[in-house]
Amino acid sequence: MESTNVSVAKRGKLQSPEQWPTWISTIRSLAKDHNVWELLDPEKSDDNLTKEIDEPELPPMPQQTMNESNQMMYRMWGYEMDFYKIKQARYEKQQKGLAIVNTAIKASVHENQQYSLNDKDTARERLVFLKSRFGQSTNRFEIVRKEWKATSHLPSKNDVDVDK
């Protein structure tokens, strides 16, 4: 986990809208590596996100002492425990991935912006907030850049006399 944070931090800490595309790309890549991007994507509404895996409930152990007449009940409980272990492993893997991404987000935001994340606990909350703070301005930046490119190829008007 430490090496993940170091690699995210090496790309630069988010502090301006111009950095948003590169920064979110890095976070997206990390989240996809841990199979949690579909839970976090700040472009999607809460209703369109994949739901987190619920923590499974431990199946209750049969209260009767095992004997020949209830062996099938204990065998079924054993199968339920096997399913529980599989579900628990999936749940823990997802929670670990979310924690890694959340830590990377916190570590990769510039110190001047850290205060604004203090009341955001989850990676999703942080990404949605940071998108609202940095992502929308990037759209304006892209529009201006495209307009500039469209007009930059026009001939120079150095020989035009403005006073005429």
N, C-alpha and C. Protein backbone atom coordinates (compact mmCIF):
# COMPACT_ATOMS: atom_id res chain seq x y z
N MET A 1 0.82 -1.18 0.00
CA MET A 1 0.00 0.00 0.00
C MET A 1 0.86 1.25 0.00
N GLU A 2 1.96 1.21 0.68
CA GLU A 2 2.85 2.37 0.74
C GLU A 2 3.39 2.71 -0.64
N SER A 3 3.76 1.70 -1.43
CA SER A 3 4.29 1.96 -2.76
C SER A 3 3.22 2.56 -3.67
N THR A 4 1.96 2.19 -3.46
CA THR A 4 0.87 2.77 -4.23
C THR A 4 0.78 4.26 -3.98
N ASN A 5 0.83 4.66 -2.72
CA ASN A 5 0.75 6.07 -2.37
C ASN A 5 1.94 6.84 -2.92
N VAL A 6 3.10 6.24 -2.90
CA VAL A 6 4.29 6.89 -3.42
C VAL A 6 4.15 7.11 -4.92
N SER A 7 3.66 6.10 -5.66
CA SER A 7 3.52 6.25 -7.10
C SER A 7 2.47 7.28 -7.46
N VAL A 8 1.39 7.36 -6.70
CA VAL A 8 0.37 8.38 -6.96
C VAL A 8 0.93 9.76 -6.64
N ALA A 9 1.65 9.88 -5.54
CA ALA A 9 2.21 11.17 -5.13
C ALA A 9 3.28 11.66 -6.10
N LYS A 10 4.00 10.75 -6.73
CA LYS A 10 5.05 11.15 -7.68
C LYS A 10 4.48 11.89 -8.88
N ARG A 11 3.24 11.63 -9.21
CA ARG A 11 2.62 12.28 -10.36
C ARG A 11 2.26 13.73 -10.07
N GLY A 12 2.39 14.16 -8.85
CA GLY A 12 2.06 15.53 -8.48
C GLY A 12 0.78 15.58 -7.68
N LYS A 13 0.74 16.52 -6.76
CA LYS A 13 -0.43 16.65 -5.90
C LYS A 13 -1.42 17.61 -6.52
N LEU A 14 -2.68 17.25 -6.44
CA LEU A 14 -3.75 18.04 -7.02
C LEU A 14 -3.90 19.36 -6.29
N GLN A 15 -3.75 20.47 -7.05
CA GLN A 15 -3.97 21.77 -6.44
C GLN A 15 -4.59 22.77 -7.41
N SER A 16 -4.78 22.38 -8.68
CA SER A 16 -5.38 23.31 -9.63
C SER A 16 -6.21 22.53 -10.65
N PRO A 17 -7.17 23.21 -11.29
CA PRO A 17 -8.00 22.54 -12.30
C PRO A 17 -7.21 21.96 -13.46
N GLU A 18 -6.10 22.56 -13.80
CA GLU A 18 -5.30 22.06 -14.91
C GLU A 18 -4.75 20.67 -14.62
N GLN A 19 -4.57 20.34 -13.35
CA GLN A 19 -4.03 19.03 -12.97
C GLN A 19 -5.10 17.94 -12.89
N TRP A 20 -6.36 18.34 -12.89
CA TRP A 20 -7.46 17.39 -12.71
C TRP A 20 -7.42 16.21 -13.67
N PRO A 21 -7.30 16.42 -14.99
CA PRO A 21 -7.35 15.26 -15.90
C PRO A 21 -6.28 14.22 -15.61
N THR A 22 -5.06 14.66 -15.35
CA THR A 22 -3.97 13.73 -15.05
C THR A 22 -4.20 13.06 -13.71
N TRP A 23 -4.61 13.85 -12.72
CA TRP A 23 -4.81 13.33 -11.37
C TRP A 23 -5.93 12.29 -11.34
N ILE A 24 -7.07 12.62 -11.94
CA ILE A 24 -8.20 11.68 -11.90
C ILE A 24 -7.89 10.43 -12.70
N SER A 25 -7.09 10.57 -13.74
CA SER A 25 -6.68 9.41 -14.52
C SER A 25 -5.85 8.45 -13.66
N THR A 26 -4.97 8.99 -12.86
CA THR A 26 -4.15 8.17 -11.96
C THR A 26 -5.01 7.47 -10.92
N ILE A 27 -5.94 8.22 -10.33
CA ILE A 27 -6.83 7.65 -9.31
C ILE A 27 -7.73 6.59 -9.95
N ARG A 28 -8.24 6.87 -11.14
CA ARG A 28 -9.09 5.90 -11.85
C ARG A 28 -8.32 4.61 -12.10
N SER A 29 -7.09 4.72 -12.54
CA SER A 29 -6.27 3.55 -12.81
C SER A 29 -6.06 2.73 -11.54
N LEU A 30 -5.75 3.40 -10.44
CA LEU A 30 -5.57 2.71 -9.16
C LEU A 30 -6.87 2.01 -8.73
N ALA A 31 -7.98 2.71 -8.85
CA ALA A 31 -9.27 2.13 -8.45
C ALA A 31 -9.64 0.94 -9.34
N LYS A 32 -9.35 1.03 -10.62
CA LYS A 32 -9.63 -0.10 -11.52
C LYS A 32 -8.72 -1.28 -11.19
N ASP A 33 -7.48 -1.00 -10.82
CA ASP A 33 -6.58 -2.09 -10.41
C ASP A 33 -7.14 -2.86 -9.22
N HIS A 34 -7.89 -2.17 -8.38
CA HIS A 34 -8.47 -2.80 -7.18
C HIS A 34 -9.96 -3.12 -7.36
N ASN A 35 -10.44 -3.02 -8.59
CA ASN A 35 -11.84 -3.37 -8.93
C ASN A 35 -12.87 -2.59 -8.12
N VAL A 36 -12.62 -1.30 -7.89
CA VAL A 36 -13.58 -0.50 -7.13
C VAL A 36 -14.00 0.78 -7.86
N TRP A 37 -13.54 1.00 -9.10
CA TRP A 37 -13.89 2.24 -9.80
C TRP A 37 -15.39 2.38 -9.99
N GLU A 38 -16.08 1.28 -10.27
CA GLU A 38 -17.53 1.33 -10.48
C GLU A 38 -18.29 1.72 -9.22
N LEU A 39 -17.63 1.71 -8.08
CA LEU A 39 -18.23 2.16 -6.82
C LEU A 39 -17.96 3.63 -6.57
N LEU A 40 -16.98 4.20 -7.28
CA LEU A 40 -16.47 5.54 -6.95
C LEU A 40 -16.67 6.59 -8.03
N ASP A 41 -16.86 6.22 -9.25
CA ASP A 41 -16.86 7.12 -10.40
C ASP A 41 -17.63 8.41 -10.11
N PRO A 42 -16.92 9.56 -10.03
CA PRO A 42 -17.61 10.82 -9.70
C PRO A 42 -18.48 11.35 -10.83
N GLU A 43 -18.36 10.77 -12.02
CA GLU A 43 -19.19 11.20 -13.15
C GLU A 43 -20.60 10.61 -13.06
N LYS A 44 -20.76 9.56 -12.27
CA LYS A 44 -22.06 8.88 -12.18
C LYS A 44 -22.83 9.37 -10.96
N SER A 45 -24.16 9.32 -11.07
CA SER A 45 -25.00 9.63 -9.91
C SER A 45 -24.97 8.43 -8.97
N ASP A 46 -25.35 8.65 -7.74
CA ASP A 46 -25.36 7.57 -6.75
C ASP A 46 -26.22 6.39 -7.21
N ASP A 47 -27.31 6.69 -7.91
CA ASP A 47 -28.22 5.63 -8.36
C ASP A 47 -27.61 4.74 -9.44
N ASN A 48 -26.64 5.27 -10.18
CA ASN A 48 -26.03 4.52 -11.28
C ASN A 48 -24.73 3.82 -10.91
N LEU A 49 -24.34 3.91 -9.67
CA LEU A 49 -23.11 3.24 -9.22
C LEU A 49 -23.38 1.78 -8.88
N THR A 50 -22.36 0.97 -9.02
CA THR A 50 -22.43 -0.40 -8.52
C THR A 50 -22.48 -0.32 -7.00
N LYS A 51 -23.27 -1.14 -6.40
CA LYS A 51 -23.42 -1.12 -4.94
C LYS A 51 -22.27 -1.88 -4.27
N GLU A 52 -21.88 -1.41 -3.12
CA GLU A 52 -20.85 -2.10 -2.35
C GLU A 52 -21.38 -3.45 -1.89
N ILE A 53 -20.45 -4.37 -1.71
CA ILE A 53 -20.82 -5.69 -1.18
C ILE A 53 -21.13 -5.52 0.30
N ASP A 54 -22.27 -6.05 0.73
CA ASP A 54 -22.63 -6.01 2.16
C ASP A 54 -21.80 -7.04 2.91
N GLU A 55 -21.47 -6.69 4.13
CA GLU A 55 -20.73 -7.64 4.96
C GLU A 55 -21.64 -8.84 5.23
N PRO A 56 -21.15 -10.04 4.94
CA PRO A 56 -22.01 -11.22 5.13
C PRO A 56 -22.23 -11.53 6.62
N GLU A 57 -23.32 -12.20 6.86
CA GLU A 57 -23.63 -12.61 8.24
C GLU A 57 -23.17 -14.04 8.45
N LEU A 58 -22.57 -14.26 9.59
CA LEU A 58 -22.09 -15.59 9.96
C LEU A 58 -23.29 -16.50 10.19
N PRO A 59 -23.35 -17.65 9.50
CA PRO A 59 -24.50 -18.55 9.72
C PRO A 59 -24.46 -19.12 11.14
N PRO A 60 -25.61 -19.18 11.78
CA PRO A 60 -25.64 -19.69 13.16
C PRO A 60 -25.30 -21.19 13.20
N MET A 61 -24.52 -21.54 14.20
CA MET A 61 -24.14 -22.94 14.37
C MET A 61 -25.33 -23.69 14.99
N PRO A 62 -25.60 -24.88 14.51
CA PRO A 62 -26.70 -25.66 15.11
C PRO A 62 -26.48 -25.84 16.62
N GLN A 63 -27.56 -25.74 17.35
CA GLN A 63 -27.49 -25.81 18.80
C GLN A 63 -27.47 -27.24 19.34
N GLN A 64 -27.88 -28.17 18.52
CA GLN A 64 -27.94 -29.56 18.97
C GLN A 64 -26.56 -30.21 18.89
N THR A 65 -26.34 -31.15 19.76
CA THR A 65 -25.11 -31.93 19.70
C THR A 65 -25.19 -32.83 18.47
N MET A 66 -24.06 -32.94 17.79
CA MET A 66 -24.06 -33.74 16.57
C MET A 66 -24.22 -35.22 16.90
N ASN A 67 -25.13 -35.85 16.15
CA ASN A 67 -25.32 -37.29 16.27
C ASN A 67 -25.73 -37.83 14.90
N GLU A 68 -26.01 -39.10 14.83
CA GLU A 68 -26.33 -39.71 13.54
C GLU A 68 -27.57 -39.12 12.90
N SER A 69 -28.53 -38.71 13.67
CA SER A 69 -29.79 -38.23 13.11
C SER A 69 -29.69 -36.79 12.56
N ASN A 70 -28.73 -36.00 13.02
CA ASN A 70 -28.66 -34.62 12.54
C ASN A 70 -27.35 -34.31 11.79
N GLN A 71 -26.69 -35.32 11.28
CA GLN A 71 -25.46 -35.11 10.52
C GLN A 71 -25.69 -34.23 9.28
N MET A 72 -26.83 -34.40 8.64
CA MET A 72 -27.14 -33.62 7.45
C MET A 72 -27.24 -32.13 7.81
N MET A 73 -27.81 -31.82 8.97
CA MET A 73 -27.93 -30.43 9.40
C MET A 73 -26.53 -29.83 9.58
N TYR A 74 -25.60 -30.57 10.15
CA TYR A 74 -24.23 -30.08 10.33
C TYR A 74 -23.50 -29.97 8.99
N ARG A 75 -23.79 -30.90 8.10
CA ARG A 75 -23.18 -30.82 6.78
C ARG A 75 -23.67 -29.57 6.04
N MET A 76 -24.96 -29.27 6.12
CA MET A 76 -25.52 -28.06 5.50
C MET A 76 -24.90 -26.81 6.13
N TRP A 77 -24.71 -26.82 7.45
CA TRP A 77 -24.08 -25.70 8.11
C TRP A 77 -22.63 -25.52 7.59
N GLY A 78 -21.95 -26.62 7.37
CA GLY A 78 -20.59 -26.56 6.81
C GLY A 78 -20.58 -25.93 5.43
N TYR A 79 -21.57 -26.25 4.60
CA TYR A 79 -21.68 -25.63 3.28
C TYR A 79 -21.95 -24.13 3.41
N GLU A 80 -22.84 -23.80 4.34
CA GLU A 80 -23.15 -22.38 4.57
C GLU A 80 -21.89 -21.63 5.03
N MET A 81 -21.07 -22.28 5.85
CA MET A 81 -19.82 -21.66 6.30
C MET A 81 -18.86 -21.46 5.13
N ASP A 82 -18.81 -22.42 4.22
CA ASP A 82 -17.96 -22.27 3.04
C ASP A 82 -18.39 -21.07 2.20
N PHE A 83 -19.70 -20.92 1.99
CA PHE A 83 -20.21 -19.77 1.26
C PHE A 83 -19.92 -18.47 2.00
N TYR A 84 -20.07 -18.51 3.32
CA TYR A 84 -19.78 -17.33 4.13
C TYR A 84 -18.32 -16.90 3.95
N LYS A 85 -17.42 -17.86 3.98
CA LYS A 85 -15.99 -17.54 3.84
C LYS A 85 -15.68 -16.90 2.47
N ILE A 86 -16.32 -17.40 1.43
CA ILE A 86 -16.13 -16.83 0.09
C ILE A 86 -16.65 -15.39 0.06
N LYS A 87 -17.86 -15.19 0.59
CA LYS A 87 -18.44 -13.84 0.61
C LYS A 87 -17.62 -12.90 1.47
N GLN A 88 -17.13 -13.40 2.59
CA GLN A 88 -16.32 -12.57 3.49
C GLN A 88 -15.01 -12.16 2.81
N ALA A 89 -14.40 -13.07 2.07
CA ALA A 89 -13.15 -12.75 1.36
C ALA A 89 -13.40 -11.68 0.30
N ARG A 90 -14.50 -11.77 -0.43
CA ARG A 90 -14.85 -10.75 -1.43
C ARG A 90 -15.08 -9.40 -0.77
N TYR A 91 -15.81 -9.42 0.34
CA TYR A 91 -16.11 -8.19 1.07
C TYR A 91 -14.81 -7.53 1.56
N GLU A 92 -13.93 -8.33 2.15
CA GLU A 92 -12.67 -7.79 2.68
C GLU A 92 -11.78 -7.25 1.56
N LYS A 93 -11.76 -7.93 0.41
CA LYS A 93 -10.97 -7.46 -0.72
C LYS A 93 -11.49 -6.11 -1.21
N GLN A 94 -12.80 -5.98 -1.31
CA GLN A 94 -13.38 -4.72 -1.75
C GLN A 94 -13.10 -3.60 -0.75
N GLN A 95 -13.26 -3.89 0.54
CA GLN A 95 -13.00 -2.88 1.56
C GLN A 95 -11.54 -2.44 1.55
N LYS A 96 -10.64 -3.38 1.33
CA LYS A 96 -9.22 -3.05 1.26
C LYS A 96 -8.94 -2.16 0.05
N GLY A 97 -9.54 -2.48 -1.10
CA GLY A 97 -9.37 -1.65 -2.29
C GLY A 97 -9.88 -0.24 -2.08
N LEU A 98 -11.05 -0.11 -1.45
CA LEU A 98 -11.61 1.21 -1.16
C LEU A 98 -10.70 2.00 -0.22
N ALA A 99 -10.15 1.32 0.77
CA ALA A 99 -9.25 1.99 1.72
C ALA A 99 -7.97 2.46 1.03
N ILE A 100 -7.44 1.65 0.14
CA ILE A 100 -6.21 2.03 -0.59
C ILE A 100 -6.47 3.27 -1.45
N VAL A 101 -7.58 3.28 -2.17
CA VAL A 101 -7.91 4.42 -3.02
C VAL A 101 -8.16 5.66 -2.17
N ASN A 102 -8.88 5.50 -1.07
CA ASN A 102 -9.18 6.63 -0.20
C ASN A 102 -7.89 7.24 0.36
N THR A 103 -6.98 6.40 0.77
CA THR A 103 -5.69 6.88 1.28
C THR A 103 -4.89 7.57 0.18
N ALA A 104 -4.93 7.02 -1.02
CA ALA A 104 -4.20 7.63 -2.14
C ALA A 104 -4.78 9.00 -2.48
N ILE A 105 -6.09 9.13 -2.42
CA ILE A 105 -6.72 10.43 -2.70
C ILE A 105 -6.23 11.45 -1.68
N LYS A 106 -6.33 11.09 -0.42
CA LYS A 106 -5.92 12.01 0.65
C LYS A 106 -4.44 12.38 0.50
N ALA A 107 -3.60 11.42 0.15
CA ALA A 107 -2.16 11.67 0.05
C ALA A 107 -1.79 12.45 -1.20
N SER A 108 -2.65 12.44 -2.22
CA SER A 108 -2.28 13.07 -3.48
C SER A 108 -2.95 14.43 -3.71
N VAL A 109 -3.60 14.94 -2.70
CA VAL A 109 -4.17 16.28 -2.78
C VAL A 109 -3.22 17.23 -2.06
N HIS A 110 -2.95 18.36 -2.69
CA HIS A 110 -1.99 19.33 -2.14
C HIS A 110 -2.38 19.75 -0.72
N GLU A 111 -1.37 20.05 0.07
CA GLU A 111 -1.57 20.42 1.47
C GLU A 111 -2.54 21.59 1.62
N ASN A 112 -2.52 22.52 0.67
CA ASN A 112 -3.42 23.68 0.74
C ASN A 112 -4.89 23.29 0.60
N GLN A 113 -5.15 22.10 0.08
CA GLN A 113 -6.52 21.65 -0.13
C GLN A 113 -6.98 20.61 0.90
N GLN A 114 -6.08 20.18 1.76
CA GLN A 114 -6.39 19.10 2.70
C GLN A 114 -7.56 19.44 3.63
N TYR A 115 -7.63 20.67 4.09
CA TYR A 115 -8.68 21.06 5.02
C TYR A 115 -10.08 20.78 4.47
N SER A 116 -10.23 20.92 3.16
CA SER A 116 -11.55 20.73 2.56
C SER A 116 -11.98 19.26 2.52
N LEU A 117 -11.04 18.35 2.75
CA LEU A 117 -11.38 16.92 2.76
C LEU A 117 -11.68 16.39 4.15
N ASN A 118 -11.48 17.21 5.17
CA ASN A 118 -11.62 16.72 6.54
C ASN A 118 -12.99 16.16 6.87
N ASP A 119 -14.04 16.72 6.29
CA ASP A 119 -15.38 16.21 6.59
C ASP A 119 -15.87 15.18 5.58
N LYS A 120 -15.01 14.76 4.68
CA LYS A 120 -15.33 13.73 3.68
C LYS A 120 -14.64 12.44 4.11
N ASP A 121 -15.43 11.43 4.43
CA ASP A 121 -14.86 10.20 4.97
C ASP A 121 -14.53 9.14 3.92
N THR A 122 -15.37 9.06 2.89
CA THR A 122 -15.20 7.98 1.92
C THR A 122 -14.51 8.48 0.65
N ALA A 123 -13.96 7.55 -0.08
CA ALA A 123 -13.32 7.89 -1.35
C ALA A 123 -14.34 8.50 -2.31
N ARG A 124 -15.52 7.99 -2.35
CA ARG A 124 -16.59 8.53 -3.22
C ARG A 124 -16.89 9.97 -2.87
N GLU A 125 -17.09 10.27 -1.57
CA GLU A 125 -17.37 11.64 -1.15
C GLU A 125 -16.24 12.58 -1.55
N ARG A 126 -15.02 12.13 -1.38
CA ARG A 126 -13.87 12.96 -1.72
C ARG A 126 -13.78 13.21 -3.23
N LEU A 127 -14.00 12.17 -4.03
CA LEU A 127 -13.93 12.33 -5.48
C LEU A 127 -15.02 13.27 -6.00
N VAL A 128 -16.23 13.13 -5.49
CA VAL A 128 -17.32 13.99 -5.93
C VAL A 128 -17.00 15.45 -5.55
N PHE A 129 -16.51 15.66 -4.35
CA PHE A 129 -16.15 17.02 -3.92
C PHE A 129 -15.02 17.58 -4.79
N LEU A 130 -13.97 16.80 -4.98
CA LEU A 130 -12.83 17.29 -5.77
C LEU A 130 -13.22 17.55 -7.22
N LYS A 131 -14.11 16.73 -7.77
CA LYS A 131 -14.58 16.97 -9.13
C LYS A 131 -15.32 18.30 -9.19
N SER A 132 -16.15 18.58 -8.19
CA SER A 132 -16.88 19.85 -8.20
C SER A 132 -15.93 21.03 -8.04
N ARG A 133 -14.84 20.82 -7.36
CA ARG A 133 -13.88 21.90 -7.12
C ARG A 133 -12.90 22.10 -8.27
N PHE A 134 -12.45 21.00 -8.87
CA PHE A 134 -11.41 21.09 -9.90
C PHE A 134 -11.88 20.64 -11.28
N GLY A 135 -12.78 19.69 -11.35
CA GLY A 135 -13.16 19.10 -12.62
C GLY A 135 -13.94 20.01 -13.54
N GLN A 136 -14.86 20.77 -13.01
CA GLN A 136 -15.68 21.62 -13.87
C GLN A 136 -14.86 22.74 -14.48
N SER A 137 -13.92 23.28 -13.75
CA SER A 137 -13.07 24.33 -14.30
C SER A 137 -12.25 23.80 -15.46
N THR A 138 -11.89 22.54 -15.39
CA THR A 138 -11.12 21.92 -16.46
C THR A 138 -11.93 21.95 -17.75
N ASN A 139 -13.24 21.74 -17.66
CA ASN A 139 -14.06 21.80 -18.85
C ASN A 139 -13.95 23.17 -19.51
N ARG A 140 -13.98 24.24 -18.75
CA ARG A 140 -13.83 25.59 -19.29
C ARG A 140 -12.44 25.74 -19.90
N PHE A 141 -11.45 25.20 -19.24
CA PHE A 141 -10.09 25.25 -19.74
C PHE A 141 -10.01 24.57 -21.11
N GLU A 142 -10.64 23.41 -21.24
CA GLU A 142 -10.62 22.69 -22.51
C GLU A 142 -11.34 23.48 -23.61
N ILE A 143 -12.44 24.12 -23.26
CA ILE A 143 -13.18 24.92 -24.25
C ILE A 143 -12.31 26.07 -24.75
N VAL A 144 -11.69 26.79 -23.85
CA VAL A 144 -10.83 27.91 -24.23
C VAL A 144 -9.65 27.41 -25.07
N ARG A 145 -9.09 26.28 -24.69
CA ARG A 145 -7.97 25.72 -25.43
C ARG A 145 -8.38 25.37 -26.86
N LYS A 146 -9.55 24.76 -27.02
CA LYS A 146 -10.03 24.41 -28.36
C LYS A 146 -10.28 25.67 -29.19
N GLU A 147 -10.86 26.69 -28.56
CA GLU A 147 -11.09 27.94 -29.28
C GLU A 147 -9.77 28.56 -29.72
N TRP A 148 -8.79 28.52 -28.85
CA TRP A 148 -7.48 29.07 -29.18
C TRP A 148 -6.86 28.31 -30.36
N LYS A 149 -6.94 26.98 -30.31
CA LYS A 149 -6.39 26.19 -31.40
C LYS A 149 -7.10 26.50 -32.72
N ALA A 150 -8.40 26.71 -32.66
CA ALA A 150 -9.17 26.98 -33.87
C ALA A 150 -8.77 28.33 -34.48
N THR A 151 -8.45 29.29 -33.65
CA THR A 151 -8.10 30.62 -34.17
C THR A 151 -6.61 30.82 -34.35
N SER A 152 -5.78 29.98 -33.78
CA SER A 152 -4.34 30.18 -33.86
C SER A 152 -3.78 29.98 -35.26
N HIS A 153 -4.47 29.29 -36.10
CA HIS A 153 -3.99 29.06 -37.46
C HIS A 153 -4.34 30.20 -38.42
N LEU A 154 -5.16 31.15 -37.96
CA LEU A 154 -5.53 32.28 -38.82
C LEU A 154 -4.32 33.16 -39.07
N PRO A 155 -4.28 33.85 -40.20
CA PRO A 155 -3.13 34.70 -40.52
C PRO A 155 -2.98 35.85 -39.51
N SER A 156 -1.76 36.21 -39.26
CA SER A 156 -1.45 37.29 -38.34
C SER A 156 -1.92 38.62 -38.93
N LYS A 157 -2.38 39.49 -38.07
CA LYS A 157 -2.88 40.79 -38.51
C LYS A 157 -1.90 41.90 -38.11
N ASN A 158 -0.61 41.60 -38.18
CA ASN A 158 0.42 42.57 -37.79
C ASN A 158 0.44 43.77 -38.72
N ASP A 159 0.09 43.59 -40.00
CA ASP A 159 0.17 44.67 -40.95
C ASP A 159 -1.12 45.48 -41.05
N VAL A 160 -2.07 45.21 -40.21
CA VAL A 160 -3.34 45.91 -40.22
C VAL A 160 -3.21 47.16 -39.35
N ASP A 161 -3.62 48.30 -39.91
CA ASP A 161 -3.59 49.55 -39.17
C ASP A 161 -4.95 49.72 -38.48
N VAL A 162 -4.96 49.70 -37.20
CA VAL A 162 -6.20 49.75 -36.43
C VAL A 162 -6.86 51.12 -36.53
N ASP A 163 -6.07 52.18 -36.77
CA ASP A 163 -6.63 53.55 -36.81
C ASP A 163 -7.35 53.86 -38.10
N LYS A 164 -7.26 53.04 -39.11
CA LYS A 164 -7.91 53.36 -40.39
C LYS A 164 -9.37 53.03 -40.38
